[in-house]
């Protein structure tokens, strides 16, 4: 029985024959395609393809890369091939609100999210107990305007040290610098309430309550230098009513934020999100 599994993602100009060529190469490796998604983004004239496949025991990523070589050269493919059994490492960042972090850790513990938390980073001490209870390294990186460059340098050093592939801002309430945002492009995921830009600033749910909103929600997106305006990965909403208090909205919002962030992280780690300018193509199951 085959026990090697892979995920191939690629981007290129929308040329004829790409899917046929990739499928033929996988077949020549005695591989069997288990899932495939493709999309042509007409606005950027880019073609995106995600293929999951299994292969015979002993098939490796370098072997697949070599086999793809002629197609890469022929079509000008930008591609990545990963071992699907590999457990990606992430760094989770949090401030004082811990609901999104706790939900993330739970989904990892029960196996729904195939990942390993290399470290929990916070500018406060409150999350230390959570990290210690889960047996995860805790790194306290307090930040001020004066120490921000050094703090962000320490974060980048931690990324290199741990080999983490993604940074998850699980209600981390500090704005990343433009330089750090660029360095983490496509690798850092943030969550925020979906009232922006209508309800900016402190206590957005209380502001929403005062306006009598009927829908609240959350948006998970990649971090960019434009605050809370990066390419969107996942969103959801919840209906509320006049009978809900401001505190009810906060509680409902916490639940939505937690679920949306976890889904976004799962999509990213499973290589289902393809960046196309400031937009994304998200390939679900």
Protein backbone atom coordinates (compact mmCIF):
# COMPACT_ATOMS: atom_id res chain seq x y z
CA UNK A 1 0.00 0.00 0.00
CA UNK A 2 1.31 3.47 -0.82
CA UNK A 3 2.33 5.49 2.21
CA UNK A 4 3.90 8.56 0.65
CA UNK A 5 1.63 11.58 0.23
CA UNK A 6 2.35 14.95 -1.31
CA UNK A 7 0.80 18.33 -2.03
CA UNK A 8 1.84 20.18 -5.17
CA UNK A 9 0.92 23.82 -5.69
CA UNK A 10 1.86 25.88 -8.70
CA UNK A 11 1.24 29.19 -10.41
CA UNK A 12 1.92 30.23 -13.98
CA UNK A 13 0.53 31.91 -17.03
CA UNK A 14 -2.72 30.20 -18.16
CA UNK A 15 -1.12 27.97 -20.80
CA UNK A 16 -2.77 24.89 -22.33
CA UNK A 17 -1.43 21.49 -21.30
CA UNK A 18 -0.33 22.21 -17.72
CA UNK A 19 -2.80 19.87 -16.01
CA UNK A 20 -2.16 17.12 -18.55
CA UNK A 21 1.61 17.41 -18.11
CA UNK A 22 1.46 17.36 -14.31
CA UNK A 23 -0.97 14.44 -14.29
CA UNK A 24 1.25 12.45 -16.65
CA UNK A 25 4.32 13.03 -14.51
CA UNK A 26 2.51 11.86 -11.39
CA UNK A 27 1.31 8.75 -13.24
CA UNK A 28 4.86 8.02 -14.41
CA UNK A 29 5.93 8.07 -10.75
CA UNK A 30 3.22 5.47 -10.00
CA UNK A 31 1.36 8.17 -8.12
CA UNK A 32 -2.39 8.45 -7.73
CA UNK A 33 -4.12 11.85 -7.60
CA UNK A 34 -6.52 12.11 -4.65
CA UNK A 35 -7.60 15.73 -4.97
CA UNK A 36 -7.19 18.53 -7.50
CA UNK A 37 -8.28 22.17 -7.75
CA UNK A 38 -7.47 24.81 -10.33
CA UNK A 39 -8.34 28.44 -10.95
CA UNK A 40 -7.65 31.02 -13.63
CA UNK A 41 -7.62 34.53 -12.18
CA UNK A 42 -8.64 36.67 -15.12
CA UNK A 43 -7.77 39.92 -13.34
CA UNK A 44 -4.10 38.95 -13.07
CA UNK A 45 -4.06 36.40 -15.90
CA UNK A 46 -2.52 33.79 -13.59
CA UNK A 47 -3.30 30.10 -13.37
CA UNK A 48 -3.24 28.27 -10.02
CA UNK A 49 -3.24 24.53 -9.41
CA UNK A 50 -3.24 22.39 -6.26
CA UNK A 51 -2.82 18.63 -6.55
CA UNK A 52 -2.76 16.13 -3.68
CA UNK A 53 -1.48 12.67 -4.54
CA UNK A 54 -0.12 9.48 -3.01
CA UNK A 55 2.80 7.47 -4.26
CA UNK A 56 4.68 4.23 -3.65
CA UNK A 57 6.79 3.74 -0.56
CA UNK A 58 10.14 5.48 -1.00
CA UNK A 59 8.95 8.27 -3.28
CA UNK A 60 10.49 11.53 -2.02
CA UNK A 61 10.06 15.24 -2.53
CA UNK A 62 13.41 15.59 -4.40
CA UNK A 63 12.40 12.78 -6.76
CA UNK A 64 9.12 14.51 -7.56
CA UNK A 65 10.91 17.84 -8.04
CA UNK A 66 13.31 16.29 -10.55
CA UNK A 67 10.46 14.65 -12.44
CA UNK A 68 8.65 17.98 -12.67
CA UNK A 69 11.74 19.71 -14.09
CA UNK A 70 10.80 19.53 -17.81
CA UNK A 71 7.27 20.83 -17.15
CA UNK A 72 8.62 23.62 -14.96
CA UNK A 73 10.92 24.74 -17.75
CA UNK A 74 8.32 24.31 -20.49
CA UNK A 75 5.52 26.26 -18.77
CA UNK A 76 7.52 28.59 -16.53
CA UNK A 77 5.93 27.13 -13.41
CA UNK A 78 6.39 28.54 -9.93
CA UNK A 79 5.81 25.52 -7.74
CA UNK A 80 6.13 23.96 -4.31
CA UNK A 81 5.96 20.30 -3.41
CA UNK A 82 5.67 19.20 0.21
CA UNK A 83 5.36 15.94 2.10
CA UNK A 84 1.75 15.94 3.33
CA UNK A 85 2.72 13.90 6.40
CA UNK A 86 5.04 16.67 7.57
CA UNK A 87 3.67 18.51 10.62
CA UNK A 88 4.20 22.24 10.01
CA UNK A 89 5.55 24.29 12.90
CA UNK A 90 3.95 27.61 13.79
CA UNK A 91 4.54 30.45 16.23
CA UNK A 92 1.41 31.75 17.93
CA UNK A 93 1.40 35.35 19.13
CA UNK A 94 -1.10 36.64 21.68
CA UNK A 95 -1.63 39.58 23.99
CA UNK A 96 -4.21 39.39 26.79
CA UNK A 97 -7.27 37.97 24.98
CA UNK A 98 -6.62 34.22 24.87
CA UNK A 99 -9.79 32.76 23.30
CA UNK A 100 -8.37 32.38 19.78
CA UNK A 101 -5.16 30.85 21.11
CA UNK A 102 -6.99 28.33 23.29
CA UNK A 103 -9.21 27.25 20.40
CA UNK A 104 -6.16 26.85 18.17
CA UNK A 105 -4.41 24.66 20.75
CA UNK A 106 -7.54 22.55 21.19
CA UNK A 107 -7.90 21.90 17.46
CA UNK A 108 -4.25 20.84 17.32
CA UNK A 109 -4.66 18.56 20.35
CA UNK A 110 -7.67 16.73 18.88
CA UNK A 111 -5.95 16.35 15.50
CA UNK A 112 -8.22 18.50 13.37
CA UNK A 113 -5.35 20.91 12.79
CA UNK A 114 -2.17 19.16 11.66
CA UNK A 115 0.44 21.44 13.19
CA UNK A 116 2.91 21.88 16.02
CA UNK A 117 3.25 25.10 18.03
CA UNK A 118 6.97 25.79 18.27
CA UNK A 119 6.46 28.70 20.68
CA UNK A 120 3.85 31.02 22.12
CA UNK A 121 5.04 34.63 22.00
CA UNK A 122 3.41 37.42 23.95
CA UNK A 123 4.04 41.00 24.95
CA UNK A 124 2.36 40.15 28.29
CA UNK A 125 2.83 37.42 30.89
CA UNK A 126 -0.77 36.17 31.02
CA UNK A 127 -0.28 33.45 28.39
CA UNK A 128 2.66 31.85 30.17
CA UNK A 129 0.38 29.55 32.18
CA UNK A 130 -1.35 28.39 28.99
CA UNK A 131 1.98 27.58 27.35
CA UNK A 132 3.28 25.73 30.40
CA UNK A 133 0.08 23.68 30.73
CA UNK A 134 0.41 22.65 27.07
CA UNK A 135 4.14 21.96 27.31
CA UNK A 136 4.94 24.68 24.79
CA UNK A 137 7.83 27.10 24.96
CA UNK A 138 6.77 30.57 26.10
CA UNK A 139 8.68 33.64 24.95
CA UNK A 140 7.94 36.96 26.59
CA UNK A 141 8.75 39.82 24.22
CA UNK A 142 7.44 43.07 25.72
CA UNK A 143 7.39 45.96 23.30
CA UNK A 144 7.48 49.73 23.41
CA UNK A 145 8.08 52.27 20.69
CA UNK A 146 11.75 52.34 21.68
CA UNK A 147 12.21 48.56 21.85
CA UNK A 148 10.06 47.58 18.85
CA UNK A 149 12.98 47.07 16.39
CA UNK A 150 14.83 44.84 18.86
CA UNK A 151 11.64 42.96 19.74
CA UNK A 152 10.86 42.25 16.09
CA UNK A 153 14.46 41.18 15.46
CA UNK A 154 14.11 38.71 18.33
CA UNK A 155 10.94 37.36 16.75
CA UNK A 156 12.69 36.81 13.40
CA UNK A 157 15.56 35.07 15.20
CA UNK A 158 13.03 32.80 16.92
CA UNK A 159 11.51 31.94 13.54
CA UNK A 160 14.91 30.91 12.21
CA UNK A 161 15.74 29.00 15.37
CA UNK A 162 12.52 27.00 15.47
CA UNK A 163 12.06 26.52 11.75
CA UNK A 164 8.47 27.73 12.07
CA UNK A 165 6.68 28.09 8.76
CA UNK A 166 3.93 30.49 9.83
CA UNK A 167 3.15 33.14 12.43
CA UNK A 168 -0.41 33.21 13.79
CA UNK A 169 -1.55 36.43 15.42
CA UNK A 170 -4.16 35.02 17.79
CA UNK A 171 -5.40 38.40 18.99
CA UNK A 172 -1.93 39.90 19.22
CA UNK A 173 -2.71 43.55 19.77
CA UNK A 174 0.51 45.13 18.50
CA UNK A 175 0.90 46.50 14.98
CA UNK A 176 3.79 44.93 13.09
CA UNK A 177 6.21 47.29 11.41
CA UNK A 178 6.17 47.63 7.63
CA UNK A 179 9.57 45.94 7.48
CA UNK A 180 8.46 42.92 9.51
CA UNK A 181 5.20 42.69 7.54
CA UNK A 182 7.20 42.49 4.32
CA UNK A 183 9.53 39.83 5.73
CA UNK A 184 6.55 37.73 6.84
CA UNK A 185 4.62 38.23 3.60
CA UNK A 186 2.37 35.24 2.98
CA UNK A 187 3.42 33.62 6.28
CA UNK A 188 1.63 35.68 8.96
CA UNK A 189 -2.12 35.35 9.59
CA UNK A 190 -4.17 37.81 11.63
CA UNK A 191 -7.74 37.81 12.93
CA UNK A 192 -9.95 40.83 13.52
CA UNK A 193 -13.61 41.62 13.96
CA UNK A 194 -15.37 42.45 10.72
CA UNK A 195 -16.66 45.86 11.82
CA UNK A 196 -13.63 47.55 10.32
CA UNK A 197 -13.58 50.23 9.11
CA UNK A 198 -16.99 51.14 10.54
CA UNK A 199 -16.04 50.63 14.20
CA UNK A 200 -12.38 51.36 14.72
CA UNK A 201 -10.67 51.90 18.03
CA UNK A 202 -11.56 50.65 21.48
CA UNK A 203 -14.52 48.39 22.26
CA UNK A 204 -15.80 47.78 18.71
CA UNK A 205 -18.51 45.40 19.91
CA UNK A 206 -19.84 48.06 22.25
CA UNK A 207 -19.84 50.52 19.35
CA UNK A 208 -21.75 47.96 17.28
CA UNK A 209 -24.24 47.50 20.10
CA UNK A 210 -24.86 51.24 20.24
CA UNK A 211 -25.61 51.23 16.51
CA UNK A 212 -27.96 48.24 16.78
CA UNK A 213 -26.16 45.98 14.30
CA UNK A 214 -27.78 42.69 13.35
CA UNK A 215 -24.71 40.86 12.03
CA UNK A 216 -21.26 40.60 13.58
CA UNK A 217 -18.32 38.68 12.24
CA UNK A 218 -14.61 38.10 11.89
CA UNK A 219 -12.02 38.13 9.12
CA UNK A 220 -8.75 36.20 8.94
CA UNK A 221 -6.20 37.59 6.52
CA UNK A 222 -2.52 37.72 5.69
CA UNK A 223 -0.57 40.48 7.38
CA UNK A 224 0.57 43.37 5.20
CA UNK A 225 1.79 46.89 5.87
CA UNK A 226 -1.81 48.08 5.34
CA UNK A 227 -3.35 47.48 8.75
CA UNK A 228 -6.11 44.83 8.66
CA UNK A 229 -6.35 45.06 4.87
CA UNK A 230 -4.27 42.08 3.75
CA UNK A 231 -5.52 39.32 1.43
CA UNK A 232 -8.53 37.63 3.02
CA UNK A 233 -8.39 33.90 3.78
CA UNK A 234 -11.58 33.21 5.71
CA UNK A 235 -14.63 35.05 7.09
CA UNK A 236 -17.81 34.28 8.98
CA UNK A 237 -20.73 36.09 10.59
CA UNK A 238 -23.22 35.53 13.39
CA UNK A 239 -26.68 37.05 13.67
CA UNK A 240 -27.49 39.09 16.78
CA UNK A 241 -30.62 40.91 17.89
CA UNK A 242 -31.87 43.80 19.92
CA UNK A 243 -32.17 41.43 22.90
CA UNK A 244 -28.38 40.85 23.00
CA UNK A 245 -26.35 43.03 25.32
CA UNK A 246 -22.94 44.49 24.46
CA UNK A 247 -21.41 41.71 26.56
CA UNK A 248 -23.37 39.14 24.54
CA UNK A 249 -21.88 40.58 21.35
CA UNK A 250 -18.39 40.32 22.82
CA UNK A 251 -18.98 36.64 23.71
CA UNK A 252 -20.44 35.81 20.29
CA UNK A 253 -17.59 37.68 18.64
CA UNK A 254 -14.99 35.68 20.57
CA UNK A 255 -16.53 32.46 19.29
CA UNK A 256 -16.59 33.62 15.67
CA UNK A 257 -13.03 34.97 15.83
CA UNK A 258 -11.72 31.68 17.25
CA UNK A 259 -13.37 29.52 14.62
CA UNK A 260 -12.44 31.74 11.68
CA UNK A 261 -8.78 31.93 12.71
CA UNK A 262 -8.48 28.16 13.15
CA UNK A 263 -10.05 27.55 9.74
CA UNK A 264 -7.72 30.07 8.11
CA UNK A 265 -4.65 28.46 9.67
CA UNK A 266 -5.81 25.03 8.51
CA UNK A 267 -6.35 26.27 4.96
CA UNK A 268 -2.92 27.89 4.91
CA UNK A 269 -1.05 24.91 6.32
CA UNK A 270 -2.78 22.55 3.91
CA UNK A 271 -1.57 24.72 1.02
CA UNK A 272 -5.11 25.60 -0.01
CA UNK A 273 -4.58 29.35 -0.23
CA UNK A 274 -3.06 30.83 -3.38
CA UNK A 275 -2.11 34.50 -3.34
CA UNK A 276 -3.03 36.57 -6.37
CA UNK A 277 -2.17 40.20 -5.75
CA UNK A 278 -4.30 41.42 -2.86
CA UNK A 279 -6.79 38.59 -3.37
CA UNK A 280 -6.72 34.87 -2.65
CA UNK A 281 -7.96 31.73 -4.33
CA UNK A 282 -8.97 29.33 -1.54
CA UNK A 283 -9.33 25.68 -2.50
CA UNK A 284 -11.62 23.90 -0.06
CA UNK A 285 -12.25 20.17 0.08
